[in-house]
Amino acid sequence: MSYRVVALLIGLVLNAFGNALSVSANAGSGIWTAAAVNIAYWIHGNVGVILLIVGVLSALLNQILIHQIDIPRFVGEVAFISCFGYFIDVFVSMFGKWGVPDLSLGWRMLLSIVGVTIFASSISIYQRANLIMHPNDDTSNILRFMYLGGRATASQLVDFIPPIIMIAVCYIATRQIYSVNVGTLYSIIFNGVIIAAADKHIMPHLYHNFRVSH
């Protein structure tokens, strides 16, 4: 259990670090973040608030996917979102001070890809710890082990369908697409591949223990 708690903390911080790096580089971020940014531009809302709302809705969806009401799971996922948002703010501020947003496009594209690789690897870590996690990542974990025979890449691709639809709807409404670039495409194509590789090579003694409470 202590090893899983450490893994959870490492995964949480690395996820925020990687997401903040890709956001600061402004050359494409994760698809869920990109969807929130596009919704924010459409309705003139706050990205953080929209990410929180989407996260809560995802946590509710997870209750449906596991066919039962699991209050600790729901509360844990909402708590994860709150901590996640705090760390993202800290890291975005740090990268701003380091001048990441002012780098040339080539460097920003590279850093965006590095950020996506980091947060995809972190997802593997806290999914295997399986204490609490970001609700979007719990969705892909549930899809992976309850519906898709343990296939990480397939579960990520299915999990990406809703944000892609959101971005498409926002484009129809605004005729603009925001926060979608090389990092986003890299995330769509390689997130599942990176997670599957990280399962084997990063903290390899941390094993999946997916469960549904009864």
N, C-alpha and C. Protein backbone atom coordinates (compact mmCIF):
# COMPACT_ATOMS: atom_id res chain seq x y z
N MET A 1 0.83 -1.21 0.00
CA MET A 1 0.00 0.00 0.00
C MET A 1 0.86 1.26 0.00
N SER A 2 1.95 1.25 0.80
CA SER A 2 2.82 2.44 0.85
C SER A 2 3.43 2.72 -0.52
N TYR A 3 3.78 1.65 -1.25
CA TYR A 3 4.35 1.80 -2.59
C TYR A 3 3.30 2.41 -3.53
N ARG A 4 2.05 1.98 -3.38
CA ARG A 4 0.98 2.52 -4.22
C ARG A 4 0.70 3.98 -3.90
N VAL A 5 0.78 4.37 -2.63
CA VAL A 5 0.58 5.77 -2.24
C VAL A 5 1.67 6.64 -2.85
N VAL A 6 2.92 6.18 -2.76
CA VAL A 6 4.03 6.92 -3.37
C VAL A 6 3.82 7.04 -4.87
N ALA A 7 3.38 5.95 -5.49
CA ALA A 7 3.13 5.96 -6.94
C ALA A 7 2.04 6.96 -7.30
N LEU A 8 0.99 7.02 -6.47
CA LEU A 8 -0.10 7.98 -6.70
C LEU A 8 0.44 9.41 -6.68
N LEU A 9 1.24 9.74 -5.68
CA LEU A 9 1.77 11.10 -5.55
C LEU A 9 2.70 11.44 -6.71
N ILE A 10 3.55 10.48 -7.08
CA ILE A 10 4.45 10.70 -8.22
C ILE A 10 3.63 10.92 -9.50
N GLY A 11 2.62 10.07 -9.70
CA GLY A 11 1.79 10.17 -10.89
C GLY A 11 1.04 11.49 -10.96
N LEU A 12 0.49 11.93 -9.82
CA LEU A 12 -0.25 13.19 -9.78
C LEU A 12 0.64 14.37 -10.16
N VAL A 13 1.82 14.46 -9.53
CA VAL A 13 2.73 15.58 -9.79
C VAL A 13 3.24 15.54 -11.23
N LEU A 14 3.61 14.35 -11.71
CA LEU A 14 4.12 14.24 -13.09
C LEU A 14 3.03 14.58 -14.11
N ASN A 15 1.79 14.20 -13.82
CA ASN A 15 0.70 14.51 -14.74
C ASN A 15 0.52 16.02 -14.86
N ALA A 16 0.50 16.70 -13.71
CA ALA A 16 0.37 18.16 -13.72
C ALA A 16 1.58 18.81 -14.40
N PHE A 17 2.76 18.28 -14.13
CA PHE A 17 3.99 18.82 -14.73
C PHE A 17 3.93 18.70 -16.25
N GLY A 18 3.58 17.50 -16.75
CA GLY A 18 3.53 17.28 -18.19
C GLY A 18 2.47 18.11 -18.87
N ASN A 19 1.28 18.17 -18.26
CA ASN A 19 0.21 18.99 -18.83
C ASN A 19 0.58 20.46 -18.84
N ALA A 20 1.18 20.94 -17.74
CA ALA A 20 1.58 22.35 -17.66
C ALA A 20 2.65 22.67 -18.70
N LEU A 21 3.56 21.73 -18.93
CA LEU A 21 4.61 21.96 -19.92
C LEU A 21 4.01 22.08 -21.32
N SER A 22 3.07 21.21 -21.67
CA SER A 22 2.46 21.27 -22.99
C SER A 22 1.59 22.52 -23.15
N VAL A 23 0.91 22.92 -22.06
CA VAL A 23 0.10 24.14 -22.11
C VAL A 23 0.99 25.36 -22.26
N SER A 24 2.09 25.42 -21.50
CA SER A 24 3.01 26.56 -21.55
C SER A 24 3.70 26.65 -22.91
N ALA A 25 4.01 25.49 -23.50
CA ALA A 25 4.67 25.49 -24.81
C ALA A 25 3.72 25.96 -25.91
N ASN A 26 2.42 25.82 -25.67
CA ASN A 26 1.39 26.30 -26.60
C ASN A 26 1.59 25.76 -28.01
N ALA A 27 1.89 24.47 -28.09
CA ALA A 27 2.02 23.83 -29.39
C ALA A 27 1.19 22.54 -29.40
N GLY A 28 0.05 22.60 -28.71
CA GLY A 28 -0.83 21.45 -28.65
C GLY A 28 -0.77 20.77 -27.30
N SER A 29 -1.93 20.54 -26.69
CA SER A 29 -1.98 19.89 -25.38
C SER A 29 -2.83 18.63 -25.49
N GLY A 30 -3.05 17.96 -24.37
CA GLY A 30 -3.91 16.78 -24.36
C GLY A 30 -5.29 17.12 -24.89
N ILE A 31 -5.96 16.14 -25.47
CA ILE A 31 -7.20 16.39 -26.17
C ILE A 31 -8.31 16.87 -25.24
N TRP A 32 -8.37 16.38 -23.99
CA TRP A 32 -9.38 16.85 -23.05
C TRP A 32 -9.15 18.31 -22.69
N THR A 33 -7.87 18.68 -22.48
CA THR A 33 -7.55 20.08 -22.18
C THR A 33 -7.89 20.96 -23.37
N ALA A 34 -7.57 20.49 -24.57
CA ALA A 34 -7.89 21.26 -25.78
C ALA A 34 -9.39 21.47 -25.91
N ALA A 35 -10.17 20.44 -25.59
CA ALA A 35 -11.63 20.57 -25.65
C ALA A 35 -12.13 21.64 -24.68
N ALA A 36 -11.57 21.65 -23.47
CA ALA A 36 -11.97 22.65 -22.47
C ALA A 36 -11.62 24.06 -22.94
N VAL A 37 -10.45 24.21 -23.54
CA VAL A 37 -10.04 25.52 -24.06
C VAL A 37 -11.00 26.00 -25.14
N ASN A 38 -11.41 25.12 -26.04
CA ASN A 38 -12.33 25.51 -27.11
C ASN A 38 -13.71 25.87 -26.56
N ILE A 39 -14.19 25.12 -25.57
CA ILE A 39 -15.46 25.46 -24.95
C ILE A 39 -15.38 26.83 -24.28
N ALA A 40 -14.23 27.09 -23.60
CA ALA A 40 -14.04 28.37 -22.92
C ALA A 40 -14.10 29.54 -23.90
N TYR A 41 -13.46 29.38 -25.06
CA TYR A 41 -13.51 30.44 -26.07
C TYR A 41 -14.93 30.62 -26.61
N TRP A 42 -15.65 29.53 -26.73
CA TRP A 42 -17.01 29.58 -27.29
C TRP A 42 -17.97 30.30 -26.33
N ILE A 43 -17.93 29.93 -25.05
CA ILE A 43 -18.90 30.49 -24.11
C ILE A 43 -18.30 31.60 -23.26
N HIS A 44 -17.04 31.96 -23.55
CA HIS A 44 -16.33 33.00 -22.79
C HIS A 44 -16.26 32.63 -21.30
N GLY A 45 -15.90 31.38 -21.06
CA GLY A 45 -15.79 30.88 -19.70
C GLY A 45 -14.35 30.70 -19.25
N ASN A 46 -14.18 30.19 -18.04
CA ASN A 46 -12.86 29.93 -17.47
C ASN A 46 -12.46 28.48 -17.72
N VAL A 47 -11.26 28.28 -18.25
CA VAL A 47 -10.81 26.93 -18.62
C VAL A 47 -10.78 26.02 -17.39
N GLY A 48 -10.27 26.55 -16.26
CA GLY A 48 -10.18 25.73 -15.05
C GLY A 48 -11.54 25.26 -14.58
N VAL A 49 -12.52 26.14 -14.62
CA VAL A 49 -13.88 25.79 -14.20
C VAL A 49 -14.46 24.74 -15.14
N ILE A 50 -14.24 24.92 -16.43
CA ILE A 50 -14.76 23.96 -17.41
C ILE A 50 -14.12 22.59 -17.22
N LEU A 51 -12.79 22.57 -16.97
CA LEU A 51 -12.11 21.30 -16.70
C LEU A 51 -12.69 20.62 -15.47
N LEU A 52 -13.01 21.41 -14.45
CA LEU A 52 -13.62 20.86 -13.24
C LEU A 52 -14.99 20.27 -13.54
N ILE A 53 -15.82 21.01 -14.29
CA ILE A 53 -17.16 20.53 -14.64
C ILE A 53 -17.09 19.25 -15.47
N VAL A 54 -16.21 19.26 -16.47
CA VAL A 54 -16.05 18.08 -17.32
C VAL A 54 -15.57 16.90 -16.48
N GLY A 55 -14.66 17.17 -15.54
CA GLY A 55 -14.15 16.11 -14.67
C GLY A 55 -15.24 15.50 -13.81
N VAL A 56 -16.10 16.35 -13.24
CA VAL A 56 -17.20 15.85 -12.42
C VAL A 56 -18.17 15.02 -13.26
N LEU A 57 -18.46 15.49 -14.46
CA LEU A 57 -19.34 14.73 -15.36
C LEU A 57 -18.72 13.37 -15.71
N SER A 58 -17.40 13.36 -15.92
CA SER A 58 -16.71 12.10 -16.21
C SER A 58 -16.78 11.16 -15.00
N ALA A 59 -16.64 11.73 -13.79
CA ALA A 59 -16.73 10.92 -12.58
C ALA A 59 -18.12 10.30 -12.45
N LEU A 60 -19.16 11.07 -12.83
CA LEU A 60 -20.52 10.52 -12.82
C LEU A 60 -20.69 9.43 -13.87
N LEU A 61 -20.09 9.64 -15.05
CA LEU A 61 -20.15 8.63 -16.10
C LEU A 61 -19.50 7.33 -15.63
N ASN A 62 -18.42 7.45 -14.87
CA ASN A 62 -17.73 6.25 -14.39
C ASN A 62 -18.63 5.41 -13.49
N GLN A 63 -19.50 6.08 -12.72
CA GLN A 63 -20.44 5.34 -11.87
C GLN A 63 -21.38 4.50 -12.72
N ILE A 64 -21.76 5.03 -13.87
CA ILE A 64 -22.62 4.28 -14.79
C ILE A 64 -21.85 3.11 -15.40
N LEU A 65 -20.61 3.36 -15.79
CA LEU A 65 -19.81 2.33 -16.46
C LEU A 65 -19.52 1.14 -15.55
N ILE A 66 -19.39 1.38 -14.24
CA ILE A 66 -19.11 0.27 -13.32
C ILE A 66 -20.40 -0.35 -12.76
N HIS A 67 -21.56 0.18 -13.22
CA HIS A 67 -22.87 -0.40 -12.88
C HIS A 67 -23.19 -0.35 -11.39
N GLN A 68 -22.67 0.64 -10.69
CA GLN A 68 -23.00 0.76 -9.28
C GLN A 68 -22.62 2.15 -8.77
N ILE A 69 -23.12 2.49 -7.59
CA ILE A 69 -22.76 3.75 -6.95
C ILE A 69 -21.58 3.50 -6.01
N ASP A 70 -20.45 4.15 -6.31
CA ASP A 70 -19.24 4.00 -5.51
C ASP A 70 -18.83 5.40 -5.06
N ILE A 71 -19.35 5.83 -3.90
CA ILE A 71 -19.12 7.19 -3.41
C ILE A 71 -17.64 7.48 -3.17
N PRO A 72 -16.88 6.58 -2.51
CA PRO A 72 -15.45 6.87 -2.31
C PRO A 72 -14.70 7.09 -3.62
N ARG A 73 -15.05 6.32 -4.64
CA ARG A 73 -14.41 6.48 -5.95
C ARG A 73 -14.73 7.87 -6.51
N PHE A 74 -15.99 8.29 -6.43
CA PHE A 74 -16.41 9.59 -6.94
C PHE A 74 -15.72 10.72 -6.19
N VAL A 75 -15.73 10.66 -4.86
CA VAL A 75 -15.10 11.70 -4.05
C VAL A 75 -13.60 11.77 -4.33
N GLY A 76 -12.97 10.62 -4.45
CA GLY A 76 -11.54 10.58 -4.74
C GLY A 76 -11.19 11.23 -6.07
N GLU A 77 -12.02 10.99 -7.07
CA GLU A 77 -11.76 11.57 -8.39
C GLU A 77 -11.93 13.09 -8.38
N VAL A 78 -12.94 13.58 -7.67
CA VAL A 78 -13.13 15.02 -7.56
C VAL A 78 -11.97 15.65 -6.78
N ALA A 79 -11.50 14.96 -5.73
CA ALA A 79 -10.35 15.44 -4.96
C ALA A 79 -9.10 15.49 -5.84
N PHE A 80 -8.94 14.48 -6.69
CA PHE A 80 -7.78 14.44 -7.59
C PHE A 80 -7.79 15.65 -8.53
N ILE A 81 -8.97 15.97 -9.08
CA ILE A 81 -9.08 17.11 -9.99
C ILE A 81 -8.65 18.40 -9.28
N SER A 82 -9.06 18.56 -8.03
CA SER A 82 -8.74 19.77 -7.28
C SER A 82 -7.23 19.90 -7.08
N CYS A 83 -6.58 18.82 -6.67
CA CYS A 83 -5.12 18.85 -6.48
C CYS A 83 -4.41 19.04 -7.81
N PHE A 84 -4.92 18.37 -8.81
CA PHE A 84 -4.35 18.45 -10.16
C PHE A 84 -4.36 19.89 -10.65
N GLY A 85 -5.47 20.58 -10.48
CA GLY A 85 -5.57 21.97 -10.92
C GLY A 85 -4.58 22.87 -10.20
N TYR A 86 -4.40 22.63 -8.89
CA TYR A 86 -3.46 23.43 -8.11
C TYR A 86 -2.04 23.27 -8.64
N PHE A 87 -1.61 22.02 -8.85
CA PHE A 87 -0.25 21.78 -9.32
C PHE A 87 -0.04 22.32 -10.73
N ILE A 88 -1.06 22.24 -11.59
CA ILE A 88 -0.92 22.80 -12.93
C ILE A 88 -0.65 24.30 -12.86
N ASP A 89 -1.40 24.99 -12.01
CA ASP A 89 -1.19 26.44 -11.85
C ASP A 89 0.25 26.73 -11.41
N VAL A 90 0.75 25.94 -10.46
CA VAL A 90 2.11 26.14 -9.96
C VAL A 90 3.13 25.95 -11.08
N PHE A 91 2.98 24.88 -11.84
CA PHE A 91 3.96 24.57 -12.88
C PHE A 91 3.86 25.53 -14.07
N VAL A 92 2.64 25.94 -14.44
CA VAL A 92 2.48 26.91 -15.53
C VAL A 92 3.17 28.22 -15.16
N SER A 93 3.01 28.64 -13.92
CA SER A 93 3.68 29.86 -13.45
C SER A 93 5.20 29.70 -13.52
N MET A 94 5.68 28.54 -13.10
CA MET A 94 7.12 28.27 -13.13
C MET A 94 7.67 28.30 -14.55
N PHE A 95 6.97 27.62 -15.48
CA PHE A 95 7.43 27.59 -16.87
C PHE A 95 7.37 28.98 -17.50
N GLY A 96 6.38 29.79 -17.08
CA GLY A 96 6.31 31.16 -17.57
C GLY A 96 7.52 31.96 -17.15
N LYS A 97 7.94 31.79 -15.90
CA LYS A 97 9.12 32.49 -15.41
C LYS A 97 10.38 32.02 -16.11
N TRP A 98 10.39 30.76 -16.51
CA TRP A 98 11.56 30.22 -17.23
C TRP A 98 11.57 30.60 -18.70
N GLY A 99 10.49 31.22 -19.19
CA GLY A 99 10.46 31.70 -20.56
C GLY A 99 10.04 30.68 -21.60
N VAL A 100 9.41 29.59 -21.16
CA VAL A 100 8.99 28.55 -22.11
C VAL A 100 8.03 29.10 -23.18
N PRO A 101 7.04 29.94 -22.81
CA PRO A 101 6.12 30.45 -23.86
C PRO A 101 6.79 31.33 -24.90
N ASP A 102 8.00 31.83 -24.60
CA ASP A 102 8.67 32.74 -25.52
C ASP A 102 9.70 32.05 -26.41
N LEU A 103 9.83 30.74 -26.28
CA LEU A 103 10.80 30.01 -27.11
C LEU A 103 10.32 29.95 -28.56
N SER A 104 11.22 29.58 -29.45
CA SER A 104 10.87 29.44 -30.87
C SER A 104 9.89 28.28 -31.04
N LEU A 105 9.17 28.28 -32.16
CA LEU A 105 8.14 27.27 -32.40
C LEU A 105 8.71 25.86 -32.34
N GLY A 106 9.88 25.66 -32.91
CA GLY A 106 10.49 24.32 -32.92
C GLY A 106 10.70 23.78 -31.52
N TRP A 107 11.28 24.61 -30.64
CA TRP A 107 11.49 24.19 -29.26
C TRP A 107 10.16 23.96 -28.54
N ARG A 108 9.17 24.80 -28.79
CA ARG A 108 7.88 24.65 -28.13
C ARG A 108 7.17 23.37 -28.59
N MET A 109 7.30 23.03 -29.86
CA MET A 109 6.71 21.78 -30.35
C MET A 109 7.38 20.59 -29.67
N LEU A 110 8.71 20.65 -29.54
CA LEU A 110 9.43 19.56 -28.89
C LEU A 110 9.02 19.43 -27.43
N LEU A 111 8.92 20.56 -26.73
CA LEU A 111 8.54 20.53 -25.32
C LEU A 111 7.09 20.06 -25.14
N SER A 112 6.24 20.40 -26.08
CA SER A 112 4.87 19.92 -26.02
C SER A 112 4.82 18.40 -26.10
N ILE A 113 5.60 17.83 -27.01
CA ILE A 113 5.68 16.37 -27.15
C ILE A 113 6.26 15.74 -25.89
N VAL A 114 7.30 16.37 -25.33
CA VAL A 114 7.87 15.88 -24.07
C VAL A 114 6.82 15.91 -22.96
N GLY A 115 6.05 17.01 -22.89
CA GLY A 115 5.01 17.13 -21.88
C GLY A 115 3.97 16.04 -22.00
N VAL A 116 3.53 15.77 -23.24
CA VAL A 116 2.54 14.70 -23.46
C VAL A 116 3.11 13.35 -23.04
N THR A 117 4.37 13.10 -23.37
CA THR A 117 5.01 11.83 -23.00
C THR A 117 5.06 11.67 -21.49
N ILE A 118 5.37 12.77 -20.80
CA ILE A 118 5.44 12.72 -19.33
C ILE A 118 4.07 12.44 -18.73
N PHE A 119 3.03 13.17 -19.19
CA PHE A 119 1.74 12.95 -18.53
C PHE A 119 1.12 11.61 -18.93
N ALA A 120 1.42 11.10 -20.14
CA ALA A 120 0.93 9.77 -20.50
C ALA A 120 1.59 8.70 -19.63
N SER A 121 2.88 8.87 -19.35
CA SER A 121 3.59 7.93 -18.47
C SER A 121 3.04 7.99 -17.06
N SER A 122 2.69 9.21 -16.62
CA SER A 122 2.15 9.37 -15.26
C SER A 122 0.80 8.67 -15.12
N ILE A 123 0.01 8.69 -16.19
CA ILE A 123 -1.29 8.01 -16.16
C ILE A 123 -1.10 6.52 -15.86
N SER A 124 -0.10 5.92 -16.50
CA SER A 124 0.20 4.51 -16.24
C SER A 124 0.51 4.27 -14.77
N ILE A 125 1.27 5.21 -14.16
CA ILE A 125 1.68 5.03 -12.77
C ILE A 125 0.48 5.04 -11.83
N TYR A 126 -0.37 6.07 -11.93
CA TYR A 126 -1.45 6.11 -10.94
C TYR A 126 -2.64 5.23 -11.32
N GLN A 127 -2.73 4.80 -12.58
CA GLN A 127 -3.73 3.79 -12.90
C GLN A 127 -3.36 2.46 -12.24
N ARG A 128 -2.07 2.15 -12.22
CA ARG A 128 -1.64 0.90 -11.58
C ARG A 128 -1.74 1.00 -10.06
N ALA A 129 -1.47 2.19 -9.51
CA ALA A 129 -1.65 2.38 -8.07
C ALA A 129 -3.12 2.19 -7.71
N ASN A 130 -4.01 2.72 -8.56
CA ASN A 130 -5.46 2.51 -8.46
C ASN A 130 -6.01 2.84 -7.06
N LEU A 131 -5.60 4.00 -6.55
CA LEU A 131 -6.17 4.51 -5.30
C LEU A 131 -7.21 5.57 -5.65
N ILE A 132 -6.75 6.71 -6.16
CA ILE A 132 -7.63 7.68 -6.80
C ILE A 132 -6.94 8.14 -8.07
N MET A 133 -7.70 8.66 -9.01
CA MET A 133 -7.09 9.13 -10.25
C MET A 133 -8.00 10.15 -10.91
N HIS A 134 -7.47 10.80 -11.94
CA HIS A 134 -8.27 11.74 -12.71
C HIS A 134 -9.44 10.97 -13.32
N PRO A 135 -10.67 11.51 -13.24
CA PRO A 135 -11.83 10.76 -13.75
C PRO A 135 -11.73 10.37 -15.22
N ASN A 136 -11.12 11.20 -16.05
CA ASN A 136 -10.96 10.84 -17.46
C ASN A 136 -10.09 9.60 -17.60
N ASP A 137 -9.07 9.50 -16.75
CA ASP A 137 -8.17 8.34 -16.81
C ASP A 137 -8.81 7.12 -16.18
N ASP A 138 -9.68 7.32 -15.20
CA ASP A 138 -10.43 6.19 -14.66
C ASP A 138 -11.40 5.67 -15.71
N THR A 139 -11.96 6.58 -16.51
CA THR A 139 -12.84 6.15 -17.61
C THR A 139 -12.10 5.21 -18.54
N SER A 140 -10.89 5.61 -18.96
CA SER A 140 -10.13 4.76 -19.88
C SER A 140 -9.72 3.46 -19.19
N ASN A 141 -9.44 3.52 -17.87
CA ASN A 141 -9.08 2.30 -17.14
C ASN A 141 -10.27 1.34 -17.07
N ILE A 142 -11.46 1.89 -16.81
CA ILE A 142 -12.67 1.07 -16.77
C ILE A 142 -12.94 0.45 -18.15
N LEU A 143 -12.84 1.28 -19.18
CA LEU A 143 -13.04 0.77 -20.54
C LEU A 143 -12.03 -0.33 -20.85
N ARG A 144 -10.79 -0.11 -20.43
CA ARG A 144 -9.71 -1.06 -20.74
C ARG A 144 -9.98 -2.43 -20.13
N PHE A 145 -10.35 -2.47 -18.84
CA PHE A 145 -10.43 -3.75 -18.15
C PHE A 145 -11.83 -4.35 -18.08
N MET A 146 -12.86 -3.53 -18.23
CA MET A 146 -14.22 -4.08 -18.18
C MET A 146 -14.83 -4.30 -19.55
N TYR A 147 -14.33 -3.59 -20.57
CA TYR A 147 -14.99 -3.63 -21.87
C TYR A 147 -14.06 -3.99 -23.04
N LEU A 148 -12.75 -3.76 -22.90
CA LEU A 148 -11.86 -3.88 -24.06
C LEU A 148 -10.70 -4.86 -23.84
N GLY A 149 -10.88 -5.79 -22.94
CA GLY A 149 -9.93 -6.88 -22.79
C GLY A 149 -8.52 -6.47 -22.42
N GLY A 150 -8.36 -5.36 -21.68
CA GLY A 150 -7.04 -4.95 -21.22
C GLY A 150 -6.22 -4.18 -22.23
N ARG A 151 -6.81 -3.76 -23.33
CA ARG A 151 -6.04 -3.07 -24.39
C ARG A 151 -5.98 -1.57 -24.10
N ALA A 152 -4.77 -1.10 -23.76
CA ALA A 152 -4.58 0.31 -23.37
C ALA A 152 -4.83 1.26 -24.53
N THR A 153 -4.30 0.93 -25.70
CA THR A 153 -4.44 1.82 -26.86
C THR A 153 -5.90 1.97 -27.26
N ALA A 154 -6.63 0.86 -27.30
CA ALA A 154 -8.05 0.91 -27.68
C ALA A 154 -8.85 1.75 -26.69
N SER A 155 -8.55 1.59 -25.40
CA SER A 155 -9.31 2.33 -24.39
C SER A 155 -9.05 3.83 -24.50
N GLN A 156 -7.81 4.22 -24.80
CA GLN A 156 -7.49 5.63 -24.96
C GLN A 156 -8.22 6.21 -26.17
N LEU A 157 -8.25 5.48 -27.26
CA LEU A 157 -8.92 5.98 -28.46
C LEU A 157 -10.42 6.17 -28.23
N VAL A 158 -11.04 5.22 -27.53
CA VAL A 158 -12.47 5.36 -27.22
C VAL A 158 -12.70 6.55 -26.29
N ASP A 159 -11.80 6.72 -25.31
CA ASP A 159 -11.92 7.82 -24.36
C ASP A 159 -11.75 9.18 -25.02
N PHE A 160 -11.09 9.22 -26.19
CA PHE A 160 -10.85 10.48 -26.89
C PHE A 160 -12.05 10.91 -27.75
N ILE A 161 -13.02 10.02 -27.95
CA ILE A 161 -14.15 10.36 -28.82
C ILE A 161 -14.94 11.57 -28.29
N PRO A 162 -15.33 11.62 -26.99
CA PRO A 162 -16.10 12.78 -26.52
C PRO A 162 -15.39 14.13 -26.70
N PRO A 163 -14.10 14.28 -26.32
CA PRO A 163 -13.48 15.59 -26.53
C PRO A 163 -13.33 15.97 -28.00
N ILE A 164 -13.14 14.99 -28.87
CA ILE A 164 -13.07 15.28 -30.30
C ILE A 164 -14.41 15.83 -30.79
N ILE A 165 -15.50 15.22 -30.30
CA ILE A 165 -16.84 15.71 -30.65
C ILE A 165 -17.03 17.13 -30.12
N MET A 166 -16.58 17.37 -28.87
CA MET A 166 -16.69 18.72 -28.29
C MET A 166 -15.97 19.75 -29.15
N ILE A 167 -14.76 19.43 -29.58
CA ILE A 167 -13.98 20.37 -30.39
C ILE A 167 -14.68 20.61 -31.72
N ALA A 168 -15.24 19.55 -32.30
CA ALA A 168 -15.95 19.68 -33.57
C ALA A 168 -17.17 20.59 -33.43
N VAL A 169 -17.92 20.43 -32.33
CA VAL A 169 -19.09 21.27 -32.09
C VAL A 169 -18.66 22.72 -31.90
N CYS A 170 -17.59 22.93 -31.16
CA CYS A 170 -17.08 24.30 -30.93
C CYS A 170 -16.63 24.93 -32.24
N TYR A 171 -16.03 24.13 -33.11
CA TYR A 171 -15.59 24.66 -34.41
C TYR A 171 -16.79 25.09 -35.25
N ILE A 172 -17.84 24.29 -35.23
CA ILE A 172 -19.06 24.65 -35.98
C ILE A 172 -19.62 25.97 -35.47
N ALA A 173 -19.53 26.17 -34.14
CA ALA A 173 -20.11 27.38 -33.53
C ALA A 173 -19.22 28.60 -33.72
N THR A 174 -17.88 28.41 -33.68
CA THR A 174 -16.97 29.57 -33.68
C THR A 174 -16.13 29.70 -34.95
N ARG A 175 -16.05 28.61 -35.72
CA ARG A 175 -15.18 28.56 -36.90
C ARG A 175 -13.71 28.74 -36.54
N GLN A 176 -13.37 28.40 -35.30
CA GLN A 176 -11.99 28.47 -34.84
C GLN A 176 -11.67 27.20 -34.04
N ILE A 177 -10.40 26.79 -34.10
CA ILE A 177 -9.94 25.68 -33.26
C ILE A 177 -8.74 26.17 -32.47
N TYR A 178 -8.78 25.98 -31.15
CA TYR A 178 -7.72 26.43 -30.26
C TYR A 178 -7.03 25.25 -29.59
N SER A 179 -5.74 25.43 -29.25
CA SER A 179 -4.97 24.46 -28.47
C SER A 179 -4.82 23.10 -29.15
N VAL A 180 -5.03 23.04 -30.44
CA VAL A 180 -4.82 21.80 -31.18
C VAL A 180 -3.63 22.00 -32.10
N ASN A 181 -2.59 21.21 -31.89
CA ASN A 181 -1.37 21.33 -32.68
C ASN A 181 -0.66 20.00 -32.63
N VAL A 182 0.63 20.01 -32.89
CA VAL A 182 1.38 18.77 -32.99
C VAL A 182 1.31 17.97 -31.69
N GLY A 183 1.30 18.65 -30.53
CA GLY A 183 1.21 17.93 -29.26
C GLY A 183 -0.10 17.18 -29.11
N THR A 184 -1.19 17.76 -29.59
CA THR A 184 -2.50 17.12 -29.51
C THR A 184 -2.54 15.88 -30.39
N LEU A 185 -2.07 16.02 -31.61
CA LEU A 185 -2.04 14.87 -32.53
C LEU A 185 -1.16 13.75 -31.99
N TYR A 186 -0.02 14.14 -31.42
CA TYR A 186 0.90 13.17 -30.80
C TYR A 186 0.18 12.44 -29.66
N SER A 187 -0.58 13.19 -28.86
CA SER A 187 -1.30 12.59 -27.74
C SER A 187 -2.35 11.60 -28.23
N ILE A 188 -3.12 12.00 -29.26
CA ILE A 188 -4.17 11.12 -29.78
C ILE A 188 -3.58 9.81 -30.29
N ILE A 189 -2.47 9.91 -31.01
CA ILE A 189 -1.88 8.72 -31.65
C ILE A 189 -1.12 7.85 -30.65
N PHE A 190 -0.38 8.48 -29.72
CA PHE A 190 0.58 7.73 -28.92
C PHE A 190 0.25 7.57 -27.44
N ASN A 191 -0.79 8.23 -26.93
CA ASN A 191 -1.09 8.12 -25.50
C ASN A 191 -1.19 6.67 -25.04
N GLY A 192 -1.99 5.88 -25.74
CA GLY A 192 -2.16 4.49 -25.35
C GLY A 192 -0.89 3.68 -25.47
N VAL A 193 -0.11 3.96 -26.51
CA VAL A 193 1.17 3.26 -26.71
C VAL A 193 2.13 3.56 -25.57
N ILE A 194 2.19 4.85 -25.19
CA ILE A 194 3.09 5.25 -24.10
C ILE A 194 2.66 4.63 -22.79
N ILE A 195 1.36 4.62 -22.51
CA ILE A 195 0.85 4.02 -21.27
C ILE A 195 1.20 2.53 -21.21
N ALA A 196 0.99 1.82 -22.32
CA ALA A 196 1.30 0.39 -22.35
C ALA A 196 2.80 0.14 -22.12
N ALA A 197 3.64 1.00 -22.72
CA ALA A 197 5.10 0.85 -22.53
C ALA A 197 5.50 1.18 -21.10
N ALA A 198 4.89 2.24 -20.54
CA ALA A 198 5.21 2.63 -19.17
C ALA A 198 4.79 1.54 -18.18
N ASP A 199 3.70 0.84 -18.48
CA ASP A 199 3.26 -0.27 -17.62
C ASP A 199 4.39 -1.28 -17.43
N LYS A 200 5.20 -1.46 -18.45
CA LYS A 200 6.26 -2.48 -18.43
C LYS A 200 7.58 -1.93 -17.91
N HIS A 201 7.87 -0.64 -18.18
CA HIS A 201 9.23 -0.15 -17.97
C HIS A 201 9.37 0.91 -16.87
N ILE A 202 8.30 1.54 -16.43
CA ILE A 202 8.38 2.55 -15.37
C ILE A 202 7.72 1.98 -14.11
N MET A 203 8.49 1.89 -13.03
CA MET A 203 8.03 1.25 -11.79
C MET A 203 7.42 -0.11 -12.12
N PRO A 204 8.20 -1.00 -12.74
CA PRO A 204 7.65 -2.27 -13.24
C PRO A 204 7.09 -3.19 -12.16
N HIS A 205 7.44 -2.95 -10.88
CA HIS A 205 6.91 -3.80 -9.81
C HIS A 205 5.55 -3.30 -9.30
N LEU A 206 5.05 -2.25 -9.95
CA LEU A 206 3.71 -1.74 -9.62
C LEU A 206 2.73 -2.36 -10.61
N TYR A 207 1.88 -3.24 -10.11
CA TYR A 207 1.02 -4.02 -11.00
C TYR A 207 -0.41 -3.49 -10.99
N HIS A 208 -1.09 -3.65 -12.13
CA HIS A 208 -2.50 -3.29 -12.21
C HIS A 208 -3.30 -4.11 -11.22
N ASN A 209 -4.18 -3.42 -10.50
CA ASN A 209 -5.07 -4.13 -9.57
C ASN A 209 -6.47 -3.55 -9.71
N PHE A 210 -6.90 -3.43 -10.96
CA PHE A 210 -8.23 -2.87 -11.24
C PHE A 210 -9.29 -3.61 -10.47
N ARG A 211 -10.21 -2.83 -9.88
CA ARG A 211 -11.25 -3.46 -9.08
C ARG A 211 -12.52 -2.63 -9.15
N VAL A 212 -13.62 -3.25 -8.87
CA VAL A 212 -14.90 -2.57 -8.68
C VAL A 212 -15.42 -3.03 -7.32
N SER A 213 -15.78 -2.08 -6.47
CA SER A 213 -16.26 -2.42 -5.12
C SER A 213 -17.62 -3.13 -5.21
N HIS A 214 -17.85 -3.99 -4.26
CA HIS A 214 -19.13 -4.72 -4.21
C HIS A 214 -19.78 -4.50 -2.86
